[in-house]
Amino acid sequence: MNQEEQAWHQQWKANALQSYRKQSLDDLMHSHWQDMMFINGQLNYGMYDSNDIWGDFGHVESLYLLRQIINEKRVEQGLEPIEYEKL
């Protein structure tokens, strides 16, 4: 990834994190469930583009960012963070 792509990627991540932080924990958990179902469906049926799933802007990276914010919100609410398995 060149410098311009890295800058774009960092901005994309910042925007995603900002968007997730505006959502409630319940909404984030629902989004997490939907994203996991989508990713699992793609992998189970083999009908996916590898970059779309695992790439720098892919579904798995979005899921990891979502998990980060879920755990931030859980800690804010006095709950234990969830220890997620890596995909």
C-alpha atoms as a PDB file:
ATOM      1  CA  MET A   1       0.000   0.000   0.000  1.00  0.00           C
ATOM      2  CA  ASN A   2       1.497   3.326  -1.005  1.00  0.00           C
ATOM      3  CA  GLN A   3       1.400   6.460   1.136  1.00  0.00           C
ATOM      4  CA  GLU A   4      -1.758   7.843  -0.494  1.00  0.00           C
ATOM      5  CA  GLU A   5      -3.565   4.523  -0.062  1.00  0.00           C
ATOM      6  CA  GLN A   6      -2.436   4.364   3.576  1.00  0.00           C
ATOM      7  CA  ALA A   7      -3.829   7.845   4.210  1.00  0.00           C
ATOM      8  CA  TRP A   8      -7.137   6.875   2.565  1.00  0.00           C
ATOM      9  CA  HIS A   9      -7.243   3.675   4.623  1.00  0.00           C
ATOM     10  CA  GLN A  10      -6.629   5.556   7.878  1.00  0.00           C
ATOM     11  CA  GLN A  11      -9.410   8.010   7.001  1.00  0.00           C
ATOM     12  CA  TRP A  12     -11.768   5.128   6.175  1.00  0.00           C
ATOM     13  CA  LYS A  13     -11.019   3.513   9.555  1.00  0.00           C
ATOM     14  CA  ALA A  14     -11.516   6.807  11.408  1.00  0.00           C
ATOM     15  CA  ASN A  15     -14.867   7.350   9.679  1.00  0.00           C
ATOM     16  CA  ALA A  16     -16.006   3.803  10.466  1.00  0.00           C
ATOM     17  CA  LEU A  17     -15.023   4.138  14.134  1.00  0.00           C
ATOM     18  CA  GLN A  18     -16.778   7.499  14.399  1.00  0.00           C
ATOM     19  CA  SER A  19     -19.934   6.046  12.862  1.00  0.00           C
ATOM     20  CA  TYR A  20     -19.889   3.019  15.176  1.00  0.00           C
ATOM     21  CA  ARG A  21     -19.390   5.209  18.258  1.00  0.00           C
ATOM     22  CA  LYS A  22     -22.682   6.969  17.506  1.00  0.00           C
ATOM     23  CA  GLN A  23     -24.634   3.709  17.763  1.00  0.00           C
ATOM     24  CA  SER A  24     -26.065   2.050  20.854  1.00  0.00           C
ATOM     25  CA  LEU A  25     -24.545  -1.142  22.190  1.00  0.00           C
ATOM     26  CA  ASP A  26     -27.689  -3.055  21.186  1.00  0.00           C
ATOM     27  CA  ASP A  27     -27.452  -1.753  17.622  1.00  0.00           C
ATOM     28  CA  LEU A  28     -23.755  -2.619  17.485  1.00  0.00           C
ATOM     29  CA  MET A  29     -24.415  -6.149  18.712  1.00  0.00           C
ATOM     30  CA  HIS A  30     -27.115  -6.583  16.072  1.00  0.00           C
ATOM     31  CA  SER A  31     -24.752  -5.289  13.377  1.00  0.00           C
ATOM     32  CA  HIS A  32     -22.095  -7.702  14.617  1.00  0.00           C
ATOM     33  CA  TRP A  33     -24.513 -10.615  14.319  1.00  0.00           C
ATOM     34  CA  GLN A  34     -25.534  -9.552  10.792  1.00  0.00           C
ATOM     35  CA  ASP A  35     -21.915  -9.128   9.699  1.00  0.00           C
ATOM     36  CA  MET A  36     -20.943 -12.531  11.090  1.00  0.00           C
ATOM     37  CA  MET A  37     -23.874 -14.170   9.299  1.00  0.00           C
ATOM     38  CA  PHE A  38     -22.891 -12.472   6.031  1.00  0.00           C
ATOM     39  CA  ILE A  39     -19.213 -13.433   6.300  1.00  0.00           C
ATOM     40  CA  ASN A  40     -20.007 -17.012   7.306  1.00  0.00           C
ATOM     41  CA  GLY A  41     -22.482 -17.316   4.441  1.00  0.00           C
ATOM     42  CA  GLN A  42     -19.936 -16.069   1.939  1.00  0.00           C
ATOM     43  CA  LEU A  43     -17.270 -18.446   3.232  1.00  0.00           C
ATOM     44  CA  ASN A  44     -19.596 -21.450   3.498  1.00  0.00           C
ATOM     45  CA  TYR A  45     -20.788 -21.109  -0.089  1.00  0.00           C
ATOM     46  CA  GLY A  46     -17.443 -20.053  -1.514  1.00  0.00           C
ATOM     47  CA  MET A  47     -19.018 -17.165  -3.394  1.00  0.00           C
ATOM     48  CA  TYR A  48     -16.822 -14.248  -2.426  1.00  0.00           C
ATOM     49  CA  ASP A  49     -13.892 -12.136  -3.498  1.00  0.00           C
ATOM     50  CA  SER A  50     -10.954 -12.618  -1.101  1.00  0.00           C
ATOM     51  CA  ASN A  51     -10.166  -8.918  -1.054  1.00  0.00           C
ATOM     52  CA  ASP A  52     -13.816  -8.120  -0.313  1.00  0.00           C
ATOM     53  CA  ILE A  53     -13.683 -10.359   2.759  1.00  0.00           C
ATOM     54  CA  TRP A  54     -10.073 -10.008   4.006  1.00  0.00           C
ATOM     55  CA  GLY A  55      -8.765  -6.927   2.197  1.00  0.00           C
ATOM     56  CA  ASP A  56      -7.791  -3.605   3.735  1.00  0.00           C
ATOM     57  CA  PHE A  57     -11.354  -2.295   3.388  1.00  0.00           C
ATOM     58  CA  GLY A  58     -13.000  -5.705   3.679  1.00  0.00           C
ATOM     59  CA  HIS A  59     -15.773  -7.137   5.790  1.00  0.00           C
ATOM     60  CA  VAL A  60     -13.408  -8.744   8.307  1.00  0.00           C
ATOM     61  CA  GLU A  61     -11.604  -5.473   8.979  1.00  0.00           C
ATOM     62  CA  SER A  62     -14.948  -3.716   9.441  1.00  0.00           C
ATOM     63  CA  LEU A  63     -15.953  -6.458  11.844  1.00  0.00           C
ATOM     64  CA  TYR A  64     -12.763  -5.971  13.897  1.00  0.00           C
ATOM     65  CA  LEU A  65     -13.451  -2.232  14.122  1.00  0.00           C
ATOM     66  CA  LEU A  66     -17.022  -2.964  15.176  1.00  0.00           C
ATOM     67  CA  ARG A  67     -15.744  -5.323  17.881  1.00  0.00           C
ATOM     68  CA  GLN A  68     -13.393  -2.619  19.147  1.00  0.00           C
ATOM     69  CA  ILE A  69     -16.287  -0.197  19.635  1.00  0.00           C
ATOM     70  CA  ILE A  70     -18.529  -2.870  21.158  1.00  0.00           C
ATOM     71  CA  ASN A  71     -15.893  -3.455  23.811  1.00  0.00           C
ATOM     72  CA  GLU A  72     -15.409   0.283  24.381  1.00  0.00           C
ATOM     73  CA  LYS A  73     -19.160   0.628  24.966  1.00  0.00           C
ATOM     74  CA  ARG A  74     -19.253  -2.440  27.222  1.00  0.00           C
ATOM     75  CA  VAL A  75     -16.477  -1.016  29.417  1.00  0.00           C
ATOM     76  CA  GLU A  76     -18.269   2.359  29.562  1.00  0.00           C
ATOM     77  CA  GLN A  77     -21.329   0.495  30.847  1.00  0.00           C
ATOM     78  CA  GLY A  78     -19.337  -1.413  33.463  1.00  0.00           C
ATOM     79  CA  LEU A  79     -19.440  -4.696  31.518  1.00  0.00           C
ATOM     80  CA  GLU A  80     -16.561  -7.007  30.769  1.00  0.00           C
ATOM     81  CA  PRO A  81     -15.167  -6.795  27.223  1.00  0.00           C
ATOM     82  CA  ILE A  82     -15.827  -9.760  24.962  1.00  0.00           C
ATOM     83  CA  GLU A  83     -12.824 -11.846  23.938  1.00  0.00           C
ATOM     84  CA  TYR A  84     -13.552 -12.525  20.284  1.00  0.00           C
ATOM     85  CA  GLU A  85     -11.836 -15.197  18.246  1.00  0.00           C
ATOM     86  CA  LYS A  86      -9.880 -14.029  15.226  1.00  0.00           C
ATOM     87  CA  LEU A  87     -11.298 -14.928  11.842  1.00  0.00           C
END
